[in-house]
């Protein structure tokens, strides 16, 4: 199941330090995935980590400049996204 999400192919990296860095990044991604899965399951949430990440990826931060004026904004978060922040014990975007 997890093998379909993370791809570890050191032969594409070449140098030994790049291979180690690639392996470390893959390991950290796996740890974060497992922590997400554990938190979701512990709180009885039905979403998988992949589904949760897809839902949270829809949140966008916008910044525009009109003349000298800068305007920043955040897309409106849905109740489902807010529930995921609570479930994962993460701060809500501001």
PDB file of N, CA and C in Angstrom:
ATOM      1  N   UNK A   1       0.830  -1.184   0.000  1.00  0.00           N
ATOM      2  CA  UNK A   1       0.000   0.000   0.000  1.00  0.00           C
ATOM      3  C   UNK A   1       0.875   1.249   0.000  1.00  0.00           C
ATOM      4  N   UNK A   2       1.802   1.364   0.921  1.00  0.00           N
ATOM      5  CA  UNK A   2       2.652   2.545   1.003  1.00  0.00           C
ATOM      6  C   UNK A   2       3.642   2.582  -0.163  1.00  0.00           C
ATOM      7  N   UNK A   3       3.987   1.430  -0.693  1.00  0.00           N
ATOM      8  CA  UNK A   3       4.962   1.373  -1.782  1.00  0.00           C
ATOM      9  C   UNK A   3       4.470   2.117  -3.018  1.00  0.00           C
ATOM     10  N   UNK A   4       3.173   2.265  -3.188  1.00  0.00           N
ATOM     11  CA  UNK A   4       2.658   2.965  -4.357  1.00  0.00           C
ATOM     12  C   UNK A   4       2.775   4.472  -4.224  1.00  0.00           C
ATOM     13  N   UNK A   5       2.995   4.980  -3.010  1.00  0.00           N
ATOM     14  CA  UNK A   5       3.049   6.420  -2.790  1.00  0.00           C
ATOM     15  C   UNK A   5       4.483   6.940  -2.817  1.00  0.00           C
ATOM     16  N   UNK A   6       5.405   6.202  -2.230  1.00  0.00           N
ATOM     17  CA  UNK A   6       6.787   6.653  -2.115  1.00  0.00           C
ATOM     18  C   UNK A   6       7.665   5.837  -3.051  1.00  0.00           C
ATOM     19  N   UNK A   7       8.533   6.528  -3.771  1.00  0.00           N
ATOM     20  CA  UNK A   7       9.387   5.873  -4.740  1.00  0.00           C
ATOM     21  C   UNK A   7      10.837   6.152  -4.361  1.00  0.00           C
ATOM     22  N   UNK A   8      11.568   5.106  -4.025  1.00  0.00           N
ATOM     23  CA  UNK A   8      12.958   5.246  -3.617  1.00  0.00           C
ATOM     24  C   UNK A   8      13.845   4.652  -4.712  1.00  0.00           C
ATOM     25  N   UNK A   9      14.518   5.500  -5.466  1.00  0.00           N
ATOM     26  CA  UNK A   9      15.378   5.041  -6.542  1.00  0.00           C
ATOM     27  C   UNK A   9      16.699   5.789  -6.511  1.00  0.00           C
ATOM     28  N   UNK A  10      17.636   5.343  -5.665  1.00  0.00           N
ATOM     29  CA  UNK A  10      18.897   6.057  -5.540  1.00  0.00           C
ATOM     30  C   UNK A  10      19.739   6.071  -6.803  1.00  0.00           C
ATOM     31  N   UNK A  11      19.562   5.111  -7.695  1.00  0.00           N
ATOM     32  CA  UNK A  11      20.401   5.069  -8.888  1.00  0.00           C
ATOM     33  C   UNK A  11      20.203   6.305  -9.769  1.00  0.00           C
ATOM     34  N   UNK A  12      19.063   7.008  -9.606  1.00  0.00           N
ATOM     35  CA  UNK A  12      18.822   8.206 -10.396  1.00  0.00           C
ATOM     36  C   UNK A  12      19.563   9.418  -9.847  1.00  0.00           C
ATOM     37  N   UNK A  13      20.071   9.327  -8.631  1.00  0.00           N
ATOM     38  CA  UNK A  13      20.679  10.480  -7.978  1.00  0.00           C
ATOM     39  C   UNK A  13      22.179  10.592  -8.227  1.00  0.00           C
ATOM     40  N   UNK A  14      22.875   9.459  -8.323  1.00  0.00           N
ATOM     41  CA  UNK A  14      24.298   9.501  -8.641  1.00  0.00           C
ATOM     42  C   UNK A  14      25.222   9.555  -7.450  1.00  0.00           C
ATOM     43  N   UNK A  15      25.500  10.725  -6.931  1.00  0.00           N
ATOM     44  CA  UNK A  15      26.487  10.908  -5.879  1.00  0.00           C
ATOM     45  C   UNK A  15      26.003  10.319  -4.548  1.00  0.00           C
ATOM     46  N   UNK A  16      26.948   9.741  -3.757  1.00  0.00           N
ATOM     47  CA  UNK A  16      26.569   9.125  -2.481  1.00  0.00           C
ATOM     48  C   UNK A  16      25.822  10.058  -1.528  1.00  0.00           C
ATOM     49  N   UNK A  17      26.256  11.331  -1.441  1.00  0.00           N
ATOM     50  CA  UNK A  17      25.557  12.246  -0.528  1.00  0.00           C
ATOM     51  C   UNK A  17      24.134  12.545  -1.019  1.00  0.00           C
ATOM     52  N   UNK A  18      23.925  12.529  -2.336  1.00  0.00           N
ATOM     53  CA  UNK A  18      22.572  12.733  -2.867  1.00  0.00           C
ATOM     54  C   UNK A  18      21.702  11.501  -2.615  1.00  0.00           C
ATOM     55  N   UNK A  19      22.303  10.333  -2.683  1.00  0.00           N
ATOM     56  CA  UNK A  19      21.567   9.098  -2.399  1.00  0.00           C
ATOM     57  C   UNK A  19      21.116   9.100  -0.945  1.00  0.00           C
ATOM     58  N   UNK A  20      22.021   9.469  -0.026  1.00  0.00           N
ATOM     59  CA  UNK A  20      21.655   9.535   1.399  1.00  0.00           C
ATOM     60  C   UNK A  20      20.578  10.589   1.637  1.00  0.00           C
ATOM     61  N   UNK A  21      20.702  11.744   1.001  1.00  0.00           N
ATOM     62  CA  UNK A  21      19.704  12.803   1.165  1.00  0.00           C
ATOM     63  C   UNK A  21      18.346  12.344   0.647  1.00  0.00           C
ATOM     64  N   UNK A  22      18.340  11.673  -0.494  1.00  0.00           N
ATOM     65  CA  UNK A  22      17.099  11.161  -1.078  1.00  0.00           C
ATOM     66  C   UNK A  22      16.461  10.137  -0.144  1.00  0.00           C
ATOM     67  N   UNK A  23      17.265   9.230   0.389  1.00  0.00           N
ATOM     68  CA  UNK A  23      16.748   8.215   1.313  1.00  0.00           C
ATOM     69  C   UNK A  23      16.193   8.866   2.578  1.00  0.00           C
ATOM     70  N   UNK A  24      16.854   9.897   3.088  1.00  0.00           N
ATOM     71  CA  UNK A  24      16.374  10.602   4.285  1.00  0.00           C
ATOM     72  C   UNK A  24      15.037  11.279   4.021  1.00  0.00           C
ATOM     73  N   UNK A  25      14.910  11.945   2.882  1.00  0.00           N
ATOM     74  CA  UNK A  25      13.651  12.607   2.538  1.00  0.00           C
ATOM     75  C   UNK A  25      12.526  11.581   2.415  1.00  0.00           C
ATOM     76  N   UNK A  26      12.813  10.449   1.788  1.00  0.00           N
ATOM     77  CA  UNK A  26      11.800   9.393   1.665  1.00  0.00           C
ATOM     78  C   UNK A  26      11.410   8.848   3.032  1.00  0.00           C
ATOM     79  N   UNK A  27      12.383   8.675   3.910  1.00  0.00           N
ATOM     80  CA  UNK A  27      12.107   8.181   5.262  1.00  0.00           C
ATOM     81  C   UNK A  27      11.244   9.180   6.032  1.00  0.00           C
ATOM     82  N   UNK A  28      11.582  10.472   5.952  1.00  0.00           N
ATOM     83  CA  UNK A  28      10.796  11.490   6.648  1.00  0.00           C
ATOM     84  C   UNK A  28       9.373  11.568   6.105  1.00  0.00           C
ATOM     85  N   UNK A  29       9.222  11.424   4.798  1.00  0.00           N
ATOM     86  CA  UNK A  29       7.885  11.415   4.203  1.00  0.00           C
ATOM     87  C   UNK A  29       7.080  10.229   4.722  1.00  0.00           C
ATOM     88  N   UNK A  30       7.716   9.074   4.837  1.00  0.00           N
ATOM     89  CA  UNK A  30       7.035   7.891   5.357  1.00  0.00           C
ATOM     90  C   UNK A  30       6.624   8.093   6.815  1.00  0.00           C
ATOM     91  N   UNK A  31       7.497   8.685   7.623  1.00  0.00           N
ATOM     92  CA  UNK A  31       7.174   8.950   9.032  1.00  0.00           C
ATOM     93  C   UNK A  31       5.985   9.902   9.120  1.00  0.00           C
ATOM     94  N   UNK A  32       5.997  10.981   8.345  1.00  0.00           N
ATOM     95  CA  UNK A  32       4.882  11.930   8.360  1.00  0.00           C
ATOM     96  C   UNK A  32       3.587  11.269   7.917  1.00  0.00           C
ATOM     97  N   UNK A  33       3.661  10.416   6.904  1.00  0.00           N
ATOM     98  CA  UNK A  33       2.491   9.684   6.424  1.00  0.00           C
ATOM     99  C   UNK A  33       1.925   8.803   7.534  1.00  0.00           C
ATOM    100  N   UNK A  34       2.808   8.091   8.223  1.00  0.00           N
ATOM    101  CA  UNK A  34       2.366   7.200   9.309  1.00  0.00           C
ATOM    102  C   UNK A  34       1.774   7.980  10.480  1.00  0.00           C
ATOM    103  N   UNK A  35       2.369   9.116  10.817  1.00  0.00           N
ATOM    104  CA  UNK A  35       1.835   9.943  11.904  1.00  0.00           C
ATOM    105  C   UNK A  35       0.441  10.453  11.523  1.00  0.00           C
ATOM    106  N   UNK A  36       0.297  10.899  10.282  1.00  0.00           N
ATOM    107  CA  UNK A  36      -1.021  11.348   9.828  1.00  0.00           C
ATOM    108  C   UNK A  36      -2.035  10.224   9.928  1.00  0.00           C
ATOM    109  N   UNK A  37      -1.661   9.047   9.453  1.00  0.00           N
ATOM    110  CA  UNK A  37      -2.566   7.899   9.490  1.00  0.00           C
ATOM    111  C   UNK A  37      -2.936   7.553  10.930  1.00  0.00           C
ATOM    112  N   UNK A  38      -1.956   7.590  11.827  1.00  0.00           N
ATOM    113  CA  UNK A  38      -2.195   7.273  13.230  1.00  0.00           C
ATOM    114  C   UNK A  38      -3.150   8.291  13.862  1.00  0.00           C
ATOM    115  N   UNK A  39      -2.929   9.581  13.612  1.00  0.00           N
ATOM    116  CA  UNK A  39      -3.799  10.613  14.185  1.00  0.00           C
ATOM    117  C   UNK A  39      -5.215  10.528  13.630  1.00  0.00           C
ATOM    118  N   UNK A  40      -5.339  10.300  12.332  1.00  0.00           N
ATOM    119  CA  UNK A  40      -6.665  10.180  11.732  1.00  0.00           C
ATOM    120  C   UNK A  40      -7.417   8.987  12.315  1.00  0.00           C
ATOM    121  N   UNK A  41      -6.724   7.869  12.415  1.00  0.00           N
ATOM    122  CA  UNK A  41      -7.352   6.652  12.930  1.00  0.00           C
ATOM    123  C   UNK A  41      -7.707   6.795  14.414  1.00  0.00           C
ATOM    124  N   UNK A  42      -6.825   7.414  15.204  1.00  0.00           N
ATOM    125  CA  UNK A  42      -7.054   7.565  16.639  1.00  0.00           C
ATOM    126  C   UNK A  42      -8.288   8.412  16.932  1.00  0.00           C
ATOM    127  N   UNK A  43      -8.564   9.366  16.057  1.00  0.00           N
ATOM    128  CA  UNK A  43      -9.725  10.239  16.271  1.00  0.00           C
ATOM    129  C   UNK A  43     -10.947   9.774  15.500  1.00  0.00           C
ATOM    130  N   UNK A  44     -10.853   8.590  14.887  1.00  0.00           N
ATOM    131  CA  UNK A  44     -12.003   8.017  14.185  1.00  0.00           C
ATOM    132  C   UNK A  44     -12.375   8.706  12.888  1.00  0.00           C
ATOM    133  N   UNK A  45     -11.416   9.401  12.274  1.00  0.00           N
ATOM    134  CA  UNK A  45     -11.687  10.082  11.000  1.00  0.00           C
ATOM    135  C   UNK A  45     -11.596   9.064   9.874  1.00  0.00           C
ATOM    136  N   UNK A  46     -12.486   9.164   8.908  1.00  0.00           N
ATOM    137  CA  UNK A  46     -12.542   8.165   7.837  1.00  0.00           C
ATOM    138  C   UNK A  46     -11.552   8.426   6.703  1.00  0.00           C
ATOM    139  N   UNK A  47     -10.968   9.617   6.637  1.00  0.00           N
ATOM    140  CA  UNK A  47     -10.065   9.958   5.526  1.00  0.00           C
ATOM    141  C   UNK A  47      -8.725   9.249   5.662  1.00  0.00           C
ATOM    142  N   UNK A  48      -8.165   8.896   4.517  1.00  0.00           N
ATOM    143  CA  UNK A  48      -6.802   8.366   4.481  1.00  0.00           C
ATOM    144  C   UNK A  48      -5.851   9.561   4.445  1.00  0.00           C
ATOM    145  N   UNK A  49      -4.564   9.348   4.734  1.00  0.00           N
ATOM    146  CA  UNK A  49      -3.618  10.463   4.621  1.00  0.00           C
ATOM    147  C   UNK A  49      -3.613  11.087   3.227  1.00  0.00           C
ATOM    148  N   UNK A  50      -3.716  10.268   2.182  1.00  0.00           N
ATOM    149  CA  UNK A  50      -3.720  10.792   0.815  1.00  0.00           C
ATOM    150  C   UNK A  50      -4.928  11.690   0.585  1.00  0.00           C
ATOM    151  N   UNK A  51      -6.099  11.248   1.032  1.00  0.00           N
ATOM    152  CA  UNK A  51      -7.321  12.033   0.885  1.00  0.00           C
ATOM    153  C   UNK A  51      -7.208  13.331   1.675  1.00  0.00           C
ATOM    154  N   UNK A  52      -6.680  13.248   2.899  1.00  0.00           N
ATOM    155  CA  UNK A  52      -6.516  14.437   3.732  1.00  0.00           C
ATOM    156  C   UNK A  52      -5.587  15.437   3.053  1.00  0.00           C
ATOM    157  N   UNK A  53      -4.477  14.966   2.518  1.00  0.00           N
ATOM    158  CA  UNK A  53      -3.541  15.866   1.832  1.00  0.00           C
ATOM    159  C   UNK A  53      -4.180  16.495   0.604  1.00  0.00           C
ATOM    160  N   UNK A  54      -4.959  15.717  -0.141  1.00  0.00           N
ATOM    161  CA  UNK A  54      -5.644  16.262  -1.319  1.00  0.00           C
ATOM    162  C   UNK A  54      -6.636  17.358  -0.917  1.00  0.00           C
ATOM    163  N   UNK A  55      -7.370  17.130   0.178  1.00  0.00           N
ATOM    164  CA  UNK A  55      -8.336  18.132   0.645  1.00  0.00           C
ATOM    165  C   UNK A  55      -7.629  19.405   1.112  1.00  0.00           C
ATOM    166  N   UNK A  56      -6.533  19.241   1.841  1.00  0.00           N
ATOM    167  CA  UNK A  56      -5.812  20.405   2.360  1.00  0.00           C
ATOM    168  C   UNK A  56      -5.048  21.147   1.264  1.00  0.00           C
ATOM    169  N   UNK A  57      -4.693  20.445   0.192  1.00  0.00           N
ATOM    170  CA  UNK A  57      -3.968  21.085  -0.916  1.00  0.00           C
ATOM    171  C   UNK A  57      -4.838  22.081  -1.667  1.00  0.00           C
ATOM    172  N   UNK A  58      -6.148  22.004  -1.464  1.00  0.00           N
ATOM    173  CA  UNK A  58      -7.058  22.938  -2.133  1.00  0.00           C
ATOM    174  C   UNK A  58      -7.021  24.335  -1.502  1.00  0.00           C
ATOM    175  N   UNK A  59      -6.432  24.446  -0.329  1.00  0.00           N
ATOM    176  CA  UNK A  59      -6.321  25.752   0.330  1.00  0.00           C
ATOM    177  C   UNK A  59      -5.220  26.539  -0.376  1.00  0.00           C
ATOM    178  N   UNK A  60      -5.542  27.750  -0.778  1.00  0.00           N
ATOM    179  CA  UNK A  60      -4.587  28.560  -1.523  1.00  0.00           C
ATOM    180  C   UNK A  60      -4.380  29.910  -0.849  1.00  0.00           C
ATOM    181  N   UNK A  61      -3.153  30.387  -0.904  1.00  0.00           N
ATOM    182  CA  UNK A  61      -2.828  31.731  -0.429  1.00  0.00           C
ATOM    183  C   UNK A  61      -2.581  32.584  -1.677  1.00  0.00           C
ATOM    184  N   UNK A  62      -3.219  33.742  -1.700  1.00  0.00           N
ATOM    185  CA  UNK A  62      -3.120  34.631  -2.854  1.00  0.00           C
ATOM    186  C   UNK A  62      -2.454  35.937  -2.444  1.00  0.00           C
ATOM    187  N   UNK A  63      -1.659  36.460  -3.341  1.00  0.00           N
ATOM    188  CA  UNK A  63      -1.018  37.748  -3.103  1.00  0.00           C
ATOM    189  C   UNK A  63      -0.980  38.498  -4.434  1.00  0.00           C
ATOM    190  N   UNK A  64      -1.413  39.725  -4.384  1.00  0.00           N
ATOM    191  CA  UNK A  64      -1.384  40.534  -5.601  1.00  0.00           C
ATOM    192  C   UNK A  64      -0.945  41.946  -5.255  1.00  0.00           C
ATOM    193  N   UNK A  65      -0.409  42.620  -6.236  1.00  0.00           N
ATOM    194  CA  UNK A  65       0.053  43.990  -6.035  1.00  0.00           C
ATOM    195  C   UNK A  65      -0.576  44.857  -7.121  1.00  0.00           C
ATOM    196  N   UNK A  66      -1.246  45.905  -6.670  1.00  0.00           N
ATOM    197  CA  UNK A  66      -1.859  46.859  -7.591  1.00  0.00           C
ATOM    198  C   UNK A  66      -1.225  48.207  -7.289  1.00  0.00           C
ATOM    199  N   UNK A  67      -0.370  48.643  -8.179  1.00  0.00           N
ATOM    200  CA  UNK A  67       0.367  49.869  -7.926  1.00  0.00           C
ATOM    201  C   UNK A  67       1.268  49.682  -6.724  1.00  0.00           C
ATOM    202  N   UNK A  68       1.094  50.510  -5.719  1.00  0.00           N
ATOM    203  CA  UNK A  68       1.877  50.410  -4.482  1.00  0.00           C
ATOM    204  C   UNK A  68       1.172  49.563  -3.425  1.00  0.00           C
ATOM    205  N   UNK A  69      -0.053  49.163  -3.706  1.00  0.00           N
ATOM    206  CA  UNK A  69      -0.866  48.451  -2.718  1.00  0.00           C
ATOM    207  C   UNK A  69      -0.739  46.939  -2.904  1.00  0.00           C
ATOM    208  N   UNK A  70      -0.462  46.237  -1.801  1.00  0.00           N
ATOM    209  CA  UNK A  70      -0.404  44.771  -1.807  1.00  0.00           C
ATOM    210  C   UNK A  70      -1.632  44.214  -1.107  1.00  0.00           C
ATOM    211  N   UNK A  71      -2.197  43.186  -1.696  1.00  0.00           N
ATOM    212  CA  UNK A  71      -3.367  42.529  -1.118  1.00  0.00           C
ATOM    213  C   UNK A  71      -3.049  41.047  -0.974  1.00  0.00           C
ATOM    214  N   UNK A  72      -3.206  40.539   0.241  1.00  0.00           N
ATOM    215  CA  UNK A  72      -2.988  39.128   0.514  1.00  0.00           C
ATOM    216  C   UNK A  72      -4.306  38.509   0.939  1.00  0.00           C
ATOM    217  N   UNK A  73      -4.488  37.254   0.592  1.00  0.00           N
ATOM    218  CA  UNK A  73      -5.719  36.578   0.985  1.00  0.00           C
ATOM    219  C   UNK A  73      -5.539  35.079   1.036  1.00  0.00           C
ATOM    220  N   UNK A  74      -6.495  34.433   1.661  1.00  0.00           N
ATOM    221  CA  UNK A  74      -6.492  32.984   1.808  1.00  0.00           C
ATOM    222  C   UNK A  74      -7.845  32.486   1.343  1.00  0.00           C
ATOM    223  N   UNK A  75      -7.837  31.390   0.581  1.00  0.00           N
ATOM    224  CA  UNK A  75      -9.110  30.838   0.141  1.00  0.00           C
ATOM    225  C   UNK A  75      -9.935  30.420   1.356  1.00  0.00           C
ATOM    226  N   UNK A  76     -11.232  30.406   1.189  1.00  0.00           N
ATOM    227  CA  UNK A  76     -12.125  30.035   2.279  1.00  0.00           C
ATOM    228  C   UNK A  76     -11.965  28.553   2.578  1.00  0.00           C
ATOM    229  N   UNK A  77     -11.741  28.243   3.850  1.00  0.00           N
ATOM    230  CA  UNK A  77     -11.600  26.835   4.235  1.00  0.00           C
ATOM    231  C   UNK A  77     -12.979  26.240   4.472  1.00  0.00           C
ATOM    232  N   UNK A  78     -13.140  25.004   4.019  1.00  0.00           N
ATOM    233  CA  UNK A  78     -14.409  24.305   4.176  1.00  0.00           C
ATOM    234  C   UNK A  78     -14.484  23.701   5.580  1.00  0.00           C
ATOM    235  N   UNK A  79     -15.670  23.358   6.035  1.00  0.00           N
ATOM    236  CA  UNK A  79     -15.786  22.689   7.333  1.00  0.00           C
ATOM    237  C   UNK A  79     -14.982  21.382   7.396  1.00  0.00           C
ATOM    238  N   UNK A  80     -14.910  20.666   6.271  1.00  0.00           N
ATOM    239  CA  UNK A  80     -14.141  19.413   6.232  1.00  0.00           C
ATOM    240  C   UNK A  80     -12.650  19.689   6.441  1.00  0.00           C
ATOM    241  N   UNK A  81     -12.149  20.757   5.829  1.00  0.00           N
ATOM    242  CA  UNK A  81     -10.741  21.114   5.996  1.00  0.00           C
ATOM    243  C   UNK A  81     -10.456  21.537   7.433  1.00  0.00           C
ATOM    244  N   UNK A  82     -11.344  22.312   8.016  1.00  0.00           N
ATOM    245  CA  UNK A  82     -11.175  22.727   9.418  1.00  0.00           C
ATOM    246  C   UNK A  82     -11.198  21.521  10.351  1.00  0.00           C
ATOM    247  N   UNK A  83     -12.056  20.556  10.042  1.00  0.00           N
ATOM    248  CA  UNK A  83     -12.110  19.324  10.847  1.00  0.00           C
ATOM    249  C   UNK A  83     -10.792  18.556  10.750  1.00  0.00           C
ATOM    250  N   UNK A  84     -10.195  18.540   9.564  1.00  0.00           N
ATOM    251  CA  UNK A  84      -8.904  17.863   9.399  1.00  0.00           C
ATOM    252  C   UNK A  84      -7.811  18.548  10.218  1.00  0.00           C
ATOM    253  N   UNK A  85      -7.797  19.880  10.241  1.00  0.00           N
ATOM    254  CA  UNK A  85      -6.813  20.591  11.067  1.00  0.00           C
ATOM    255  C   UNK A  85      -6.968  20.204  12.535  1.00  0.00           C
ATOM    256  N   UNK A  86      -8.215  20.143  12.999  1.00  0.00           N
ATOM    257  CA  UNK A  86      -8.463  19.749  14.392  1.00  0.00           C
ATOM    258  C   UNK A  86      -8.041  18.309  14.635  1.00  0.00           C
ATOM    259  N   UNK A  87      -8.411  17.415  13.718  1.00  0.00           N
ATOM    260  CA  UNK A  87      -8.089  15.997  13.869  1.00  0.00           C
ATOM    261  C   UNK A  87      -6.588  15.772  13.898  1.00  0.00           C
ATOM    262  N   UNK A  88      -5.850  16.470  13.035  1.00  0.00           N
ATOM    263  CA  UNK A  88      -4.401  16.292  12.944  1.00  0.00           C
ATOM    264  C   UNK A  88      -3.642  17.137  13.958  1.00  0.00           C
ATOM    265  N   UNK A  89      -4.388  17.883  14.762  1.00  0.00           N
ATOM    266  CA  UNK A  89      -3.785  18.730  15.794  1.00  0.00           C
ATOM    267  C   UNK A  89      -2.816  19.748  15.178  1.00  0.00           C
ATOM    268  N   UNK A  90      -3.293  20.404  14.116  1.00  0.00           N
ATOM    269  CA  UNK A  90      -2.498  21.401  13.401  1.00  0.00           C
ATOM    270  C   UNK A  90      -3.151  22.771  13.540  1.00  0.00           C
ATOM    271  N   UNK A  91      -2.366  23.847  13.522  1.00  0.00           N
ATOM    272  CA  UNK A  91      -2.971  25.180  13.573  1.00  0.00           C
ATOM    273  C   UNK A  91      -3.697  25.493  12.265  1.00  0.00           C
ATOM    274  N   UNK A  92      -4.788  26.206  12.382  1.00  0.00           N
ATOM    275  CA  UNK A  92      -5.538  26.597  11.200  1.00  0.00           C
ATOM    276  C   UNK A  92      -4.777  27.712  10.482  1.00  0.00           C
ATOM    277  N   UNK A  93      -4.837  27.728   9.146  1.00  0.00           N
ATOM    278  CA  UNK A  93      -4.124  28.794   8.420  1.00  0.00           C
ATOM    279  C   UNK A  93      -4.729  30.149   8.726  1.00  0.00           C
ATOM    280  N   UNK A  94      -3.877  31.141   8.785  1.00  0.00           N
ATOM    281  CA  UNK A  94      -4.358  32.507   9.078  1.00  0.00           C
ATOM    282  C   UNK A  94      -4.047  33.430   7.937  1.00  0.00           C
TER     283      UNK A  94
END
